[in-house]
């Protein structure tokens, strides 16, 4: 369980520290996802671009501060983001533009 969300500084430090401890695992997950998705996408769409990344620590901190502020404003429970945040690693895919797309 994280720090009390009432003390912003203590709460933020706790959340970020806990996320930072897990970040290397998220980075490994991103590498794995990218490799698997590239292999899967190549036969279907050879020109596809697949990239994956783990949410960086600074971005995590900014995001949870915004969400904390909204939860407090709306009288809602402030989640334990270090445990409950779901978008910690992403792998969007994009198709490269072909020659006809450039005309």
PDB file of N, CA and C in Angstrom:
ATOM      1  N   UNK A   1       0.851  -1.186   0.000  1.00  0.00           N
ATOM      2  CA  UNK A   1       0.000   0.000   0.000  1.00  0.00           C
ATOM      3  C   UNK A   1       0.885   1.233   0.000  1.00  0.00           C
ATOM      4  N   UNK A   2       0.522   2.239  -0.763  1.00  0.00           N
ATOM      5  CA  UNK A   2       1.318   3.441  -0.882  1.00  0.00           C
ATOM      6  C   UNK A   2       1.042   4.447   0.218  1.00  0.00           C
ATOM      7  N   UNK A   3       1.741   5.576   0.120  1.00  0.00           N
ATOM      8  CA  UNK A   3       1.590   6.654   1.094  1.00  0.00           C
ATOM      9  C   UNK A   3       0.216   7.308   0.951  1.00  0.00           C
ATOM     10  N   UNK A   4      -0.225   7.971   2.000  1.00  0.00           N
ATOM     11  CA  UNK A   4      -1.486   8.694   2.010  1.00  0.00           C
ATOM     12  C   UNK A   4      -1.453   9.774   0.934  1.00  0.00           C
ATOM     13  N   UNK A   5      -2.458   9.816   0.040  1.00  0.00           N
ATOM     14  CA  UNK A   5      -2.451  10.812  -1.031  1.00  0.00           C
ATOM     15  C   UNK A   5      -2.677  12.239  -0.561  1.00  0.00           C
ATOM     16  N   UNK A   6      -2.964  12.449   0.723  1.00  0.00           N
ATOM     17  CA  UNK A   6      -3.187  13.797   1.225  1.00  0.00           C
ATOM     18  C   UNK A   6      -1.927  14.648   1.240  1.00  0.00           C
ATOM     19  N   UNK A   7      -0.773  14.068   1.482  1.00  0.00           N
ATOM     20  CA  UNK A   7       0.503  14.781   1.475  1.00  0.00           C
ATOM     21  C   UNK A   7       1.140  14.573   0.101  1.00  0.00           C
ATOM     22  N   UNK A   8       0.951  15.548  -0.780  1.00  0.00           N
ATOM     23  CA  UNK A   8       1.351  15.395  -2.184  1.00  0.00           C
ATOM     24  C   UNK A   8       2.810  15.006  -2.356  1.00  0.00           C
ATOM     25  N   UNK A   9       3.712  15.670  -1.662  1.00  0.00           N
ATOM     26  CA  UNK A   9       5.145  15.411  -1.843  1.00  0.00           C
ATOM     27  C   UNK A   9       5.511  13.982  -1.424  1.00  0.00           C
ATOM     28  N   UNK A  10       5.056  13.575  -0.255  1.00  0.00           N
ATOM     29  CA  UNK A  10       5.353  12.222   0.246  1.00  0.00           C
ATOM     30  C   UNK A  10       4.702  11.187  -0.666  1.00  0.00           C
ATOM     31  N   UNK A  11       3.458  11.431  -1.041  1.00  0.00           N
ATOM     32  CA  UNK A  11       2.725  10.516  -1.910  1.00  0.00           C
ATOM     33  C   UNK A  11       3.428  10.351  -3.258  1.00  0.00           C
ATOM     34  N   UNK A  12       3.802  11.478  -3.881  1.00  0.00           N
ATOM     35  CA  UNK A  12       4.459  11.431  -5.194  1.00  0.00           C
ATOM     36  C   UNK A  12       5.788  10.689  -5.110  1.00  0.00           C
ATOM     37  N   UNK A  13       6.569  10.999  -4.090  1.00  0.00           N
ATOM     38  CA  UNK A  13       7.866  10.338  -3.934  1.00  0.00           C
ATOM     39  C   UNK A  13       7.691   8.826  -3.794  1.00  0.00           C
ATOM     40  N   UNK A  14       6.730   8.408  -2.994  1.00  0.00           N
ATOM     41  CA  UNK A  14       6.459   6.986  -2.811  1.00  0.00           C
ATOM     42  C   UNK A  14       6.043   6.331  -4.128  1.00  0.00           C
ATOM     43  N   UNK A  15       5.104   6.952  -4.824  1.00  0.00           N
ATOM     44  CA  UNK A  15       4.615   6.392  -6.088  1.00  0.00           C
ATOM     45  C   UNK A  15       5.748   6.274  -7.115  1.00  0.00           C
ATOM     46  N   UNK A  16       6.516   7.330  -7.268  1.00  0.00           N
ATOM     47  CA  UNK A  16       7.596   7.336  -8.259  1.00  0.00           C
ATOM     48  C   UNK A  16       8.680   6.332  -7.891  1.00  0.00           C
ATOM     49  N   UNK A  17       9.045   6.267  -6.617  1.00  0.00           N
ATOM     50  CA  UNK A  17      10.066   5.296  -6.192  1.00  0.00           C
ATOM     51  C   UNK A  17       9.631   3.867  -6.485  1.00  0.00           C
ATOM     52  N   UNK A  18       8.383   3.562  -6.203  1.00  0.00           N
ATOM     53  CA  UNK A  18       7.886   2.210  -6.444  1.00  0.00           C
ATOM     54  C   UNK A  18       7.833   1.899  -7.936  1.00  0.00           C
ATOM     55  N   UNK A  19       7.417   2.875  -8.736  1.00  0.00           N
ATOM     56  CA  UNK A  19       7.398   2.683 -10.189  1.00  0.00           C
ATOM     57  C   UNK A  19       8.820   2.509 -10.719  1.00  0.00           C
ATOM     58  N   UNK A  20       9.722   3.332 -10.225  1.00  0.00           N
ATOM     59  CA  UNK A  20      11.123   3.294 -10.680  1.00  0.00           C
ATOM     60  C   UNK A  20      11.765   1.928 -10.397  1.00  0.00           C
ATOM     61  N   UNK A  21      11.419   1.325  -9.281  1.00  0.00           N
ATOM     62  CA  UNK A  21      11.951  -0.002  -8.953  1.00  0.00           C
ATOM     63  C   UNK A  21      11.509  -1.047  -9.968  1.00  0.00           C
ATOM     64  N   UNK A  22      10.331  -0.887 -10.510  1.00  0.00           N
ATOM     65  CA  UNK A  22       9.788  -1.850 -11.476  1.00  0.00           C
ATOM     66  C   UNK A  22      10.133  -1.522 -12.922  1.00  0.00           C
ATOM     67  N   UNK A  23      10.598  -0.315 -13.158  1.00  0.00           N
ATOM     68  CA  UNK A  23      10.809   0.140 -14.526  1.00  0.00           C
ATOM     69  C   UNK A  23      11.699  -0.786 -15.353  1.00  0.00           C
ATOM     70  N   UNK A  24      12.793  -1.340 -14.826  1.00  0.00           N
ATOM     71  CA  UNK A  24      13.601  -2.260 -15.642  1.00  0.00           C
ATOM     72  C   UNK A  24      12.793  -3.459 -16.163  1.00  0.00           C
ATOM     73  N   UNK A  25      11.866  -3.949 -15.381  1.00  0.00           N
ATOM     74  CA  UNK A  25      11.011  -5.053 -15.842  1.00  0.00           C
ATOM     75  C   UNK A  25      10.096  -4.592 -16.971  1.00  0.00           C
ATOM     76  N   UNK A  26       9.570  -3.376 -16.860  1.00  0.00           N
ATOM     77  CA  UNK A  26       8.714  -2.845 -17.918  1.00  0.00           C
ATOM     78  C   UNK A  26       9.512  -2.648 -19.211  1.00  0.00           C
ATOM     79  N   UNK A  27      10.761  -2.208 -19.085  1.00  0.00           N
ATOM     80  CA  UNK A  27      11.614  -2.025 -20.258  1.00  0.00           C
ATOM     81  C   UNK A  27      11.888  -3.374 -20.938  1.00  0.00           C
ATOM     82  N   UNK A  28      12.124  -4.405 -20.154  1.00  0.00           N
ATOM     83  CA  UNK A  28      12.309  -5.744 -20.724  1.00  0.00           C
ATOM     84  C   UNK A  28      11.040  -6.226 -21.423  1.00  0.00           C
ATOM     85  N   UNK A  29       9.895  -5.950 -20.826  1.00  0.00           N
ATOM     86  CA  UNK A  29       8.628  -6.307 -21.446  1.00  0.00           C
ATOM     87  C   UNK A  29       8.477  -5.602 -22.789  1.00  0.00           C
ATOM     88  N   UNK A  30       8.843  -4.337 -22.853  1.00  0.00           N
ATOM     89  CA  UNK A  30       8.757  -3.582 -24.106  1.00  0.00           C
ATOM     90  C   UNK A  30       9.657  -4.203 -25.173  1.00  0.00           C
ATOM     91  N   UNK A  31      10.870  -4.592 -24.809  1.00  0.00           N
ATOM     92  CA  UNK A  31      11.774  -5.240 -25.768  1.00  0.00           C
ATOM     93  C   UNK A  31      11.161  -6.541 -26.289  1.00  0.00           C
ATOM     94  N   UNK A  32      10.610  -7.333 -25.377  1.00  0.00           N
ATOM     95  CA  UNK A  32       9.996  -8.600 -25.753  1.00  0.00           C
ATOM     96  C   UNK A  32       8.802  -8.366 -26.685  1.00  0.00           C
ATOM     97  N   UNK A  33       7.908  -7.443 -26.308  1.00  0.00           N
ATOM     98  CA  UNK A  33       6.739  -7.144 -27.129  1.00  0.00           C
ATOM     99  C   UNK A  33       7.140  -6.703 -28.528  1.00  0.00           C
ATOM    100  N   UNK A  34       8.128  -5.839 -28.595  1.00  0.00           N
ATOM    101  CA  UNK A  34       8.563  -5.337 -29.896  1.00  0.00           C
ATOM    102  C   UNK A  34       9.085  -6.470 -30.771  1.00  0.00           C
ATOM    103  N   UNK A  35       9.902  -7.342 -30.209  1.00  0.00           N
ATOM    104  CA  UNK A  35      10.457  -8.463 -30.980  1.00  0.00           C
ATOM    105  C   UNK A  35       9.348  -9.398 -31.475  1.00  0.00           C
ATOM    106  N   UNK A  36       8.426  -9.751 -30.589  1.00  0.00           N
ATOM    107  CA  UNK A  36       7.345 -10.668 -30.958  1.00  0.00           C
ATOM    108  C   UNK A  36       6.430 -10.035 -32.004  1.00  0.00           C
ATOM    109  N   UNK A  37       6.061  -8.775 -31.798  1.00  0.00           N
ATOM    110  CA  UNK A  37       5.141  -8.121 -32.725  1.00  0.00           C
ATOM    111  C   UNK A  37       5.786  -7.864 -34.085  1.00  0.00           C
ATOM    112  N   UNK A  38       7.072  -7.556 -34.111  1.00  0.00           N
ATOM    113  CA  UNK A  38       7.762  -7.383 -35.399  1.00  0.00           C
ATOM    114  C   UNK A  38       7.749  -8.689 -36.175  1.00  0.00           C
ATOM    115  N   UNK A  39       8.039  -9.775 -35.488  1.00  0.00           N
ATOM    116  CA  UNK A  39       8.059 -11.084 -36.140  1.00  0.00           C
ATOM    117  C   UNK A  39       6.667 -11.444 -36.666  1.00  0.00           C
ATOM    118  N   UNK A  40       5.645 -11.141 -35.886  1.00  0.00           N
ATOM    119  CA  UNK A  40       4.277 -11.448 -36.303  1.00  0.00           C
ATOM    120  C   UNK A  40       3.804 -10.542 -37.438  1.00  0.00           C
ATOM    121  N   UNK A  41       4.221  -9.289 -37.444  1.00  0.00           N
ATOM    122  CA  UNK A  41       3.741  -8.327 -38.433  1.00  0.00           C
ATOM    123  C   UNK A  41       4.427  -8.478 -39.790  1.00  0.00           C
ATOM    124  N   UNK A  42       5.668  -8.903 -39.803  1.00  0.00           N
ATOM    125  CA  UNK A  42       6.444  -8.938 -41.049  1.00  0.00           C
ATOM    126  C   UNK A  42       5.772  -9.728 -42.174  1.00  0.00           C
ATOM    127  N   UNK A  43       5.275 -10.953 -41.939  1.00  0.00           N
ATOM    128  CA  UNK A  43       4.639 -11.672 -43.042  1.00  0.00           C
ATOM    129  C   UNK A  43       3.320 -11.038 -43.504  1.00  0.00           C
ATOM    130  N   UNK A  44       2.663 -10.339 -42.613  1.00  0.00           N
ATOM    131  CA  UNK A  44       1.368  -9.732 -42.931  1.00  0.00           C
ATOM    132  C   UNK A  44       1.554  -8.393 -43.635  1.00  0.00           C
ATOM    133  N   UNK A  45       2.484  -7.615 -43.132  1.00  0.00           N
ATOM    134  CA  UNK A  45       2.735  -6.268 -43.671  1.00  0.00           C
ATOM    135  C   UNK A  45       4.227  -5.968 -43.540  1.00  0.00           C
ATOM    136  N   UNK A  46       5.013  -6.349 -44.551  1.00  0.00           N
ATOM    137  CA  UNK A  46       6.469  -6.179 -44.462  1.00  0.00           C
ATOM    138  C   UNK A  46       6.930  -4.740 -44.208  1.00  0.00           C
ATOM    139  N   UNK A  47       6.108  -3.770 -44.571  1.00  0.00           N
ATOM    140  CA  UNK A  47       6.511  -2.375 -44.376  1.00  0.00           C
ATOM    141  C   UNK A  47       6.079  -1.805 -43.028  1.00  0.00           C
ATOM    142  N   UNK A  48       5.488  -2.652 -42.186  1.00  0.00           N
ATOM    143  CA  UNK A  48       5.002  -2.149 -40.894  1.00  0.00           C
ATOM    144  C   UNK A  48       6.158  -1.683 -40.018  1.00  0.00           C
ATOM    145  N   UNK A  49       5.847  -0.735 -39.185  1.00  0.00           N
ATOM    146  CA  UNK A  49       6.800  -0.225 -38.196  1.00  0.00           C
ATOM    147  C   UNK A  49       6.218  -0.575 -36.835  1.00  0.00           C
ATOM    148  N   UNK A  50       6.943  -1.349 -36.070  1.00  0.00           N
ATOM    149  CA  UNK A  50       6.485  -1.726 -34.737  1.00  0.00           C
ATOM    150  C   UNK A  50       7.489  -1.190 -33.733  1.00  0.00           C
ATOM    151  N   UNK A  51       7.005  -0.445 -32.794  1.00  0.00           N
ATOM    152  CA  UNK A  51       7.854   0.106 -31.740  1.00  0.00           C
ATOM    153  C   UNK A  51       7.171  -0.141 -30.410  1.00  0.00           C
ATOM    154  N   UNK A  52       7.965  -0.401 -29.395  1.00  0.00           N
ATOM    155  CA  UNK A  52       7.418  -0.576 -28.052  1.00  0.00           C
ATOM    156  C   UNK A  52       8.279   0.216 -27.080  1.00  0.00           C
ATOM    157  N   UNK A  53       7.648   0.672 -26.028  1.00  0.00           N
ATOM    158  CA  UNK A  53       8.405   1.392 -25.006  1.00  0.00           C
ATOM    159  C   UNK A  53       7.682   1.290 -23.684  1.00  0.00           C
ATOM    160  N   UNK A  54       8.468   1.361 -22.648  1.00  0.00           N
ATOM    161  CA  UNK A  54       7.912   1.447 -21.300  1.00  0.00           C
ATOM    162  C   UNK A  54       7.711   2.917 -20.976  1.00  0.00           C
ATOM    163  N   UNK A  55       6.667   3.217 -20.252  1.00  0.00           N
ATOM    164  CA  UNK A  55       6.448   4.606 -19.816  1.00  0.00           C
ATOM    165  C   UNK A  55       7.648   5.036 -18.994  1.00  0.00           C
ATOM    166  N   UNK A  56       8.205   6.209 -19.300  1.00  0.00           N
ATOM    167  CA  UNK A  56       9.365   6.645 -18.521  1.00  0.00           C
ATOM    168  C   UNK A  56       8.921   7.211 -17.180  1.00  0.00           C
ATOM    169  N   UNK A  57       9.865   7.267 -16.263  1.00  0.00           N
ATOM    170  CA  UNK A  57       9.564   7.631 -14.876  1.00  0.00           C
ATOM    171  C   UNK A  57       9.012   9.055 -14.794  1.00  0.00           C
ATOM    172  N   UNK A  58       9.598   9.979 -15.532  1.00  0.00           N
ATOM    173  CA  UNK A  58       9.132  11.372 -15.491  1.00  0.00           C
ATOM    174  C   UNK A  58       7.694  11.482 -15.999  1.00  0.00           C
ATOM    175  N   UNK A  59       7.396  10.788 -17.084  1.00  0.00           N
ATOM    176  CA  UNK A  59       6.041  10.795 -17.636  1.00  0.00           C
ATOM    177  C   UNK A  59       5.042  10.198 -16.647  1.00  0.00           C
ATOM    178  N   UNK A  60       5.447   9.129 -15.979  1.00  0.00           N
ATOM    179  CA  UNK A  60       4.602   8.518 -14.947  1.00  0.00           C
ATOM    180  C   UNK A  60       4.275   9.545 -13.866  1.00  0.00           C
ATOM    181  N   UNK A  61       5.286  10.255 -13.388  1.00  0.00           N
ATOM    182  CA  UNK A  61       5.079  11.249 -12.330  1.00  0.00           C
ATOM    183  C   UNK A  61       4.119  12.351 -12.747  1.00  0.00           C
ATOM    184  N   UNK A  62       4.298  12.867 -13.965  1.00  0.00           N
ATOM    185  CA  UNK A  62       3.407  13.932 -14.447  1.00  0.00           C
ATOM    186  C   UNK A  62       1.969  13.428 -14.564  1.00  0.00           C
ATOM    187  N   UNK A  63       1.826  12.211 -15.099  1.00  0.00           N
ATOM    188  CA  UNK A  63       0.489  11.667 -15.317  1.00  0.00           C
ATOM    189  C   UNK A  63      -0.247  11.447 -14.000  1.00  0.00           C
ATOM    190  N   UNK A  64       0.427  10.849 -13.034  1.00  0.00           N
ATOM    191  CA  UNK A  64      -0.275  10.555 -11.779  1.00  0.00           C
ATOM    192  C   UNK A  64      -0.607  11.820 -11.000  1.00  0.00           C
ATOM    193  N   UNK A  65       0.201  12.862 -11.154  1.00  0.00           N
ATOM    194  CA  UNK A  65      -0.154  14.132 -10.503  1.00  0.00           C
ATOM    195  C   UNK A  65      -1.446  14.695 -11.091  1.00  0.00           C
ATOM    196  N   UNK A  66      -1.586  14.630 -12.415  1.00  0.00           N
ATOM    197  CA  UNK A  66      -2.824  15.109 -13.054  1.00  0.00           C
ATOM    198  C   UNK A  66      -4.020  14.276 -12.606  1.00  0.00           C
ATOM    199  N   UNK A  67      -3.846  12.964 -12.571  1.00  0.00           N
ATOM    200  CA  UNK A  67      -4.950  12.085 -12.199  1.00  0.00           C
ATOM    201  C   UNK A  67      -5.301  12.223 -10.724  1.00  0.00           C
ATOM    202  N   UNK A  68      -4.289  12.429  -9.881  1.00  0.00           N
ATOM    203  CA  UNK A  68      -4.527  12.632  -8.448  1.00  0.00           C
ATOM    204  C   UNK A  68      -5.355  13.899  -8.245  1.00  0.00           C
ATOM    205  N   UNK A  69      -4.946  14.958  -8.952  1.00  0.00           N
ATOM    206  CA  UNK A  69      -5.639  16.239  -8.852  1.00  0.00           C
ATOM    207  C   UNK A  69      -7.110  16.082  -9.256  1.00  0.00           C
ATOM    208  N   UNK A  70      -7.356  15.360 -10.343  1.00  0.00           N
ATOM    209  CA  UNK A  70      -8.736  15.151 -10.804  1.00  0.00           C
ATOM    210  C   UNK A  70      -9.531  14.327  -9.795  1.00  0.00           C
ATOM    211  N   UNK A  71      -8.923  13.288  -9.240  1.00  0.00           N
ATOM    212  CA  UNK A  71      -9.626  12.446  -8.263  1.00  0.00           C
ATOM    213  C   UNK A  71      -9.990  13.253  -7.021  1.00  0.00           C
ATOM    214  N   UNK A  72      -9.054  14.047  -6.526  1.00  0.00           N
ATOM    215  CA  UNK A  72      -9.327  14.865  -5.336  1.00  0.00           C
ATOM    216  C   UNK A  72     -10.407  15.905  -5.631  1.00  0.00           C
ATOM    217  N   UNK A  73     -10.333  16.517  -6.802  1.00  0.00           N
ATOM    218  CA  UNK A  73     -11.318  17.525  -7.189  1.00  0.00           C
ATOM    219  C   UNK A  73     -12.716  16.924  -7.272  1.00  0.00           C
ATOM    220  N   UNK A  74     -12.787  15.687  -7.800  1.00  0.00           N
ATOM    221  CA  UNK A  74     -14.078  15.036  -8.000  1.00  0.00           C
ATOM    222  C   UNK A  74     -14.551  14.230  -6.790  1.00  0.00           C
ATOM    223  N   UNK A  75     -13.782  14.281  -5.705  1.00  0.00           N
ATOM    224  CA  UNK A  75     -14.160  13.564  -4.497  1.00  0.00           C
ATOM    225  C   UNK A  75     -14.030  12.049  -4.628  1.00  0.00           C
ATOM    226  N   UNK A  76     -13.194  11.597  -5.532  1.00  0.00           N
ATOM    227  CA  UNK A  76     -13.012  10.164  -5.751  1.00  0.00           C
ATOM    228  C   UNK A  76     -11.782   9.660  -5.007  1.00  0.00           C
ATOM    229  N   UNK A  77     -11.695   8.350  -4.902  1.00  0.00           N
ATOM    230  CA  UNK A  77     -10.537   7.711  -4.285  1.00  0.00           C
ATOM    231  C   UNK A  77      -9.322   7.923  -5.196  1.00  0.00           C
ATOM    232  N   UNK A  78      -8.186   8.268  -4.594  1.00  0.00           N
ATOM    233  CA  UNK A  78      -6.945   8.398  -5.354  1.00  0.00           C
ATOM    234  C   UNK A  78      -6.338   7.002  -5.461  1.00  0.00           C
ATOM    235  N   UNK A  79      -6.222   6.475  -6.687  1.00  0.00           N
ATOM    236  CA  UNK A  79      -5.686   5.125  -6.844  1.00  0.00           C
ATOM    237  C   UNK A  79      -4.223   5.025  -6.415  1.00  0.00           C
ATOM    238  N   UNK A  80      -3.815   3.822  -6.139  1.00  0.00           N
ATOM    239  CA  UNK A  80      -2.403   3.523  -5.896  1.00  0.00           C
ATOM    240  C   UNK A  80      -1.812   3.257  -7.280  1.00  0.00           C
ATOM    241  N   UNK A  81      -1.419   4.332  -7.948  1.00  0.00           N
ATOM    242  CA  UNK A  81      -1.009   4.240  -9.354  1.00  0.00           C
ATOM    243  C   UNK A  81       0.164   3.295  -9.574  1.00  0.00           C
ATOM    244  N   UNK A  82       1.080   3.198  -8.627  1.00  0.00           N
ATOM    245  CA  UNK A  82       2.220   2.299  -8.789  1.00  0.00           C
ATOM    246  C   UNK A  82       1.740   0.852  -8.924  1.00  0.00           C
ATOM    247  N   UNK A  83       0.549   0.565  -8.403  1.00  0.00           N
ATOM    248  CA  UNK A  83      -0.021  -0.779  -8.490  1.00  0.00           C
ATOM    249  C   UNK A  83      -1.107  -0.889  -9.554  1.00  0.00           C
ATOM    250  N   UNK A  84      -1.822   0.202  -9.813  1.00  0.00           N
ATOM    251  CA  UNK A  84      -3.044   0.116 -10.609  1.00  0.00           C
ATOM    252  C   UNK A  84      -2.970   0.713 -12.007  1.00  0.00           C
ATOM    253  N   UNK A  85      -1.924   1.442 -12.339  1.00  0.00           N
ATOM    254  CA  UNK A  85      -1.840   2.060 -13.664  1.00  0.00           C
ATOM    255  C   UNK A  85      -1.625   0.985 -14.712  1.00  0.00           C
ATOM    256  N   UNK A  86      -2.397   1.042 -15.786  1.00  0.00           N
ATOM    257  CA  UNK A  86      -2.361  -0.019 -16.793  1.00  0.00           C
ATOM    258  C   UNK A  86      -1.511   0.303 -18.016  1.00  0.00           C
ATOM    259  N   UNK A  87      -1.344   1.549 -18.367  1.00  0.00           N
ATOM    260  CA  UNK A  87      -0.598   1.853 -19.595  1.00  0.00           C
ATOM    261  C   UNK A  87       0.872   2.119 -19.304  1.00  0.00           C
ATOM    262  N   UNK A  88       1.552   1.107 -18.813  1.00  0.00           N
ATOM    263  CA  UNK A  88       2.960   1.225 -18.442  1.00  0.00           C
ATOM    264  C   UNK A  88       3.900   0.790 -19.555  1.00  0.00           C
ATOM    265  N   UNK A  89       3.345   0.129 -20.551  1.00  0.00           N
ATOM    266  CA  UNK A  89       4.149  -0.367 -21.655  1.00  0.00           C
ATOM    267  C   UNK A  89       3.251  -0.416 -22.872  1.00  0.00           C
ATOM    268  N   UNK A  90       3.720   0.117 -23.997  1.00  0.00           N
ATOM    269  CA  UNK A  90       2.890   0.134 -25.191  1.00  0.00           C
ATOM    270  C   UNK A  90       3.662  -0.252 -26.427  1.00  0.00           C
ATOM    271  N   UNK A  91       2.945  -0.800 -27.400  1.00  0.00           N
ATOM    272  CA  UNK A  91       3.562  -1.211 -28.658  1.00  0.00           C
ATOM    273  C   UNK A  91       2.610  -0.914 -29.813  1.00  0.00           C
ATOM    274  N   UNK A  92       2.459   0.363 -30.172  1.00  0.00           N
ATOM    275  CA  UNK A  92       1.586   0.673 -31.306  1.00  0.00           C
ATOM    276  C   UNK A  92       2.247   0.260 -32.611  1.00  0.00           C
ATOM    277  N   UNK A  93       1.459  -0.077 -33.601  1.00  0.00           N
ATOM    278  CA  UNK A  93       1.987  -0.418 -34.920  1.00  0.00           C
ATOM    279  C   UNK A  93       1.506   0.580 -35.946  1.00  0.00           C
ATOM    280  N   UNK A  94       2.333   0.861 -36.930  1.00  0.00           N
ATOM    281  CA  UNK A  94       1.980   1.808 -37.992  1.00  0.00           C
ATOM    282  C   UNK A  94       2.441   1.233 -39.316  1.00  0.00           C
ATOM    283  N   UNK A  95       1.697   1.499 -40.352  1.00  0.00           N
ATOM    284  CA  UNK A  95       2.089   1.088 -41.686  1.00  0.00           C
ATOM    285  C   UNK A  95       2.868   2.235 -42.328  1.00  0.00           C
ATOM    286  N   UNK A  96       4.000   1.920 -42.918  1.00  0.00           N
ATOM    287  CA  UNK A  96       4.779   2.959 -43.608  1.00  0.00           C
ATOM    288  C   UNK A  96       4.008   3.427 -44.834  1.00  0.00           C
ATOM    289  N   UNK A  97       4.109   4.725 -45.172  1.00  0.00           N
ATOM    290  CA  UNK A  97       3.415   5.198 -46.370  1.00  0.00           C
ATOM    291  C   UNK A  97       4.067   4.614 -47.623  1.00  0.00           C
ATOM    292  N   UNK A  98       3.229   4.218 -48.559  1.00  0.00           N
ATOM    293  CA  UNK A  98       3.733   3.721 -49.842  1.00  0.00           C
ATOM    294  C   UNK A  98       3.872   4.869 -50.831  1.00  0.00           C
ATOM    295  N   UNK A  99       4.408   4.586 -52.016  1.00  0.00           N
ATOM    296  CA  UNK A  99       4.611   5.649 -53.020  1.00  0.00           C
ATOM    297  C   UNK A  99       3.328   6.400 -53.376  1.00  0.00           C
ATOM    298  N   UNK A 100       2.182   5.684 -53.414  1.00  0.00           N
ATOM    299  CA  UNK A 100       0.935   6.368 -53.754  1.00  0.00           C
ATOM    300  C   UNK A 100       0.499   7.337 -52.661  1.00  0.00           C
ATOM    301  N   UNK A 101       0.900   7.053 -51.419  1.00  0.00           N
ATOM    302  CA  UNK A 101       0.531   7.950 -50.322  1.00  0.00           C
ATOM    303  C   UNK A 101       1.307   9.252 -50.379  1.00  0.00           C
ATOM    304  N   UNK A 102       2.418   9.266 -51.082  1.00  0.00           N
ATOM    305  CA  UNK A 102       3.271  10.454 -51.140  1.00  0.00           C
ATOM    306  C   UNK A 102       2.872  11.399 -52.276  1.00  0.00           C
ATOM    307  N   UNK A 103       1.969  10.958 -53.128  1.00  0.00           N
ATOM    308  CA  UNK A 103       1.572  11.782 -54.287  1.00  0.00           C
ATOM    309  C   UNK A 103       0.471  12.731 -53.874  1.00  0.00           C
TER     310      UNK A 103
END
